[in-house]
Amino acid sequence: MNRPNFITTDQIDRWNIAVDNDPLLPDGFKKLPRLREVIYAGFWLVETLRELNASEEHIFQLKFYHGQSSFGRDCWEVAQNLIEMYESGEIEFEPDILDD
């Protein structure tokens, strides 16, 4: 999996701090390079969706889908495809069950 060239060292440094200080992420997971890369791609996905003014509910659903879909695939490609699909309106979201 190739990290896109537009990802900066500053972003990776910031995301490393977040991962290293996450009390909910087991220490063994923090040491897995592939899992960290999935997490980095997830951080980028969330930040980009926020820049696009996506709702937090949509961000949550896409972040969850990204994690599931990245298994055995290029996590950066998955994230980029989700952004493209979001921008083009191709994604159908599940209704928020709390809105009923």
C-alpha atoms as a PDB file:
ATOM      1  CA  MET A   1       0.000   0.000   0.000  1.00  0.00           C
ATOM      2  CA  ASN A   2       1.431   3.282  -1.085  1.00  0.00           C
ATOM      3  CA  ARG A   3       0.801   6.371   0.970  1.00  0.00           C
ATOM      4  CA  PRO A   4      -0.241   9.283  -1.277  1.00  0.00           C
ATOM      5  CA  ASN A   5       2.371  11.968  -1.870  1.00  0.00           C
ATOM      6  CA  PHE A   6       0.061  14.681  -0.543  1.00  0.00           C
ATOM      7  CA  ILE A   7       0.232  13.272   2.993  1.00  0.00           C
ATOM      8  CA  THR A   8       2.712  15.375   4.937  1.00  0.00           C
ATOM      9  CA  THR A   9       5.199  14.503   7.642  1.00  0.00           C
ATOM     10  CA  ASP A  10       3.340  16.904   9.927  1.00  0.00           C
ATOM     11  CA  GLN A  11       0.126  14.925   9.451  1.00  0.00           C
ATOM     12  CA  ILE A  12       1.876  11.625  10.194  1.00  0.00           C
ATOM     13  CA  ASP A  13       3.523  13.122  13.291  1.00  0.00           C
ATOM     14  CA  ARG A  14       0.158  14.413  14.541  1.00  0.00           C
ATOM     15  CA  TRP A  15      -1.540  11.086  13.848  1.00  0.00           C
ATOM     16  CA  ASN A  16       1.282   9.153  15.544  1.00  0.00           C
ATOM     17  CA  ILE A  17       0.713  11.167  18.711  1.00  0.00           C
ATOM     18  CA  ALA A  18      -3.011  10.413  18.566  1.00  0.00           C
ATOM     19  CA  VAL A  19      -2.403   6.676  18.052  1.00  0.00           C
ATOM     20  CA  ASP A  20       0.302   6.432  20.698  1.00  0.00           C
ATOM     21  CA  ASN A  21      -1.886   8.206  23.266  1.00  0.00           C
ATOM     22  CA  ASP A  22      -5.134   6.379  22.506  1.00  0.00           C
ATOM     23  CA  PRO A  23      -5.999   4.433  25.669  1.00  0.00           C
ATOM     24  CA  LEU A  24      -8.602   2.345  23.822  1.00  0.00           C
ATOM     25  CA  LEU A  25      -6.147   0.960  21.249  1.00  0.00           C
ATOM     26  CA  PRO A  26      -4.228  -2.055  22.578  1.00  0.00           C
ATOM     27  CA  ASP A  27      -0.449  -1.597  22.646  1.00  0.00           C
ATOM     28  CA  GLY A  28       0.037  -4.638  20.402  1.00  0.00           C
ATOM     29  CA  PHE A  29      -2.103  -3.011  17.711  1.00  0.00           C
ATOM     30  CA  LYS A  30      -0.078   0.200  17.919  1.00  0.00           C
ATOM     31  CA  LYS A  31       3.003  -1.753  16.842  1.00  0.00           C
ATOM     32  CA  LEU A  32       1.467  -3.181  13.651  1.00  0.00           C
ATOM     33  CA  PRO A  33       2.588  -1.068  10.664  1.00  0.00           C
ATOM     34  CA  ARG A  34      -0.306  -2.118   8.417  1.00  0.00           C
ATOM     35  CA  LEU A  35      -2.883  -1.313  11.074  1.00  0.00           C
ATOM     36  CA  ARG A  36      -1.263   2.060  11.714  1.00  0.00           C
ATOM     37  CA  GLU A  37      -1.474   2.812   7.999  1.00  0.00           C
ATOM     38  CA  VAL A  38      -5.201   1.991   8.028  1.00  0.00           C
ATOM     39  CA  ILE A  39      -5.585   4.346  10.987  1.00  0.00           C
ATOM     40  CA  TYR A  40      -3.647   7.106   9.199  1.00  0.00           C
ATOM     41  CA  ALA A  41      -5.882   6.726   6.137  1.00  0.00           C
ATOM     42  CA  GLY A  42      -8.894   6.873   8.443  1.00  0.00           C
ATOM     43  CA  PHE A  43      -7.642  10.098  10.027  1.00  0.00           C
ATOM     44  CA  TRP A  44      -7.174  11.594   6.572  1.00  0.00           C
ATOM     45  CA  LEU A  45     -10.656  10.451   5.551  1.00  0.00           C
ATOM     46  CA  VAL A  46     -12.250  12.086   8.599  1.00  0.00           C
ATOM     47  CA  GLU A  47     -10.312  15.340   8.188  1.00  0.00           C
ATOM     48  CA  THR A  48     -11.203  15.547   4.507  1.00  0.00           C
ATOM     49  CA  LEU A  49     -14.879  14.835   5.156  1.00  0.00           C
ATOM     50  CA  ARG A  50     -14.939  17.586   7.791  1.00  0.00           C
ATOM     51  CA  GLU A  51     -13.414  19.991   5.257  1.00  0.00           C
ATOM     52  CA  LEU A  52     -16.301  19.003   2.949  1.00  0.00           C
ATOM     53  CA  ASN A  53     -18.773  19.773   5.771  1.00  0.00           C
ATOM     54  CA  ALA A  54     -20.010  16.198   6.043  1.00  0.00           C
ATOM     55  CA  SER A  55     -22.252  15.501   9.001  1.00  0.00           C
ATOM     56  CA  GLU A  56     -20.730  13.658  11.953  1.00  0.00           C
ATOM     57  CA  GLU A  57     -23.188  10.811  11.338  1.00  0.00           C
ATOM     58  CA  HIS A  58     -21.971  10.417   7.755  1.00  0.00           C
ATOM     59  CA  ILE A  59     -18.362  10.664   8.887  1.00  0.00           C
ATOM     60  CA  PHE A  60     -18.968   7.926  11.443  1.00  0.00           C
ATOM     61  CA  GLN A  61     -20.567   5.634   8.859  1.00  0.00           C
ATOM     62  CA  LEU A  62     -17.798   6.219   6.300  1.00  0.00           C
ATOM     63  CA  LYS A  63     -15.045   5.798   8.885  1.00  0.00           C
ATOM     64  CA  PHE A  64     -16.532   2.472   9.981  1.00  0.00           C
ATOM     65  CA  TYR A  65     -16.956   1.324   6.374  1.00  0.00           C
ATOM     66  CA  HIS A  66     -13.369   2.366   5.599  1.00  0.00           C
ATOM     67  CA  GLY A  67     -12.003   0.202   8.386  1.00  0.00           C
ATOM     68  CA  GLN A  68     -14.015  -2.823   7.258  1.00  0.00           C
ATOM     69  CA  SER A  69     -13.225  -2.342   3.587  1.00  0.00           C
ATOM     70  CA  SER A  70      -9.496  -1.896   4.112  1.00  0.00           C
ATOM     71  CA  PHE A  71      -8.975  -5.526   5.120  1.00  0.00           C
ATOM     72  CA  GLY A  72      -6.775  -7.033   2.410  1.00  0.00           C
ATOM     73  CA  ARG A  73      -6.957  -3.878   0.284  1.00  0.00           C
ATOM     74  CA  ASP A  74      -5.047  -0.625  -0.084  1.00  0.00           C
ATOM     75  CA  CYS A  75      -6.500   1.514   2.715  1.00  0.00           C
ATOM     76  CA  TRP A  76      -5.517   4.758   0.986  1.00  0.00           C
ATOM     77  CA  GLU A  77      -7.295   3.736  -2.202  1.00  0.00           C
ATOM     78  CA  VAL A  78     -10.377   2.831  -0.174  1.00  0.00           C
ATOM     79  CA  ALA A  79     -10.314   6.241   1.560  1.00  0.00           C
ATOM     80  CA  GLN A  80      -9.822   8.136  -1.695  1.00  0.00           C
ATOM     81  CA  ASN A  81     -12.650   6.210  -3.368  1.00  0.00           C
ATOM     82  CA  LEU A  82     -14.957   7.021  -0.463  1.00  0.00           C
ATOM     83  CA  ILE A  83     -14.154  10.729  -0.766  1.00  0.00           C
ATOM     84  CA  GLU A  84     -14.806  10.661  -4.507  1.00  0.00           C
ATOM     85  CA  MET A  85     -18.081   8.792  -4.025  1.00  0.00           C
ATOM     86  CA  TYR A  86     -19.141  11.179  -1.257  1.00  0.00           C
ATOM     87  CA  GLU A  87     -18.420  14.222  -3.401  1.00  0.00           C
ATOM     88  CA  SER A  88     -20.300  12.791  -6.373  1.00  0.00           C
ATOM     89  CA  GLY A  89     -23.312  11.794  -4.260  1.00  0.00           C
ATOM     90  CA  GLU A  90     -22.937   8.098  -5.067  1.00  0.00           C
ATOM     91  CA  ILE A  91     -23.139   6.974  -1.428  1.00  0.00           C
ATOM     92  CA  GLU A  92     -26.424   6.084   0.221  1.00  0.00           C
ATOM     93  CA  PHE A  93     -26.355   6.429   3.995  1.00  0.00           C
ATOM     94  CA  GLU A  94     -28.238   4.382   6.523  1.00  0.00           C
ATOM     95  CA  PRO A  95     -30.786   6.497   8.379  1.00  0.00           C
ATOM     96  CA  ASP A  96     -29.825   7.438  11.912  1.00  0.00           C
ATOM     97  CA  ILE A  97     -31.826   5.072  14.129  1.00  0.00           C
ATOM     98  CA  LEU A  98     -31.812   7.689  16.882  1.00  0.00           C
ATOM     99  CA  ASP A  99     -33.824  10.095  14.689  1.00  0.00           C
ATOM    100  CA  ASP A 100     -36.991   7.983  14.952  1.00  0.00           C
END
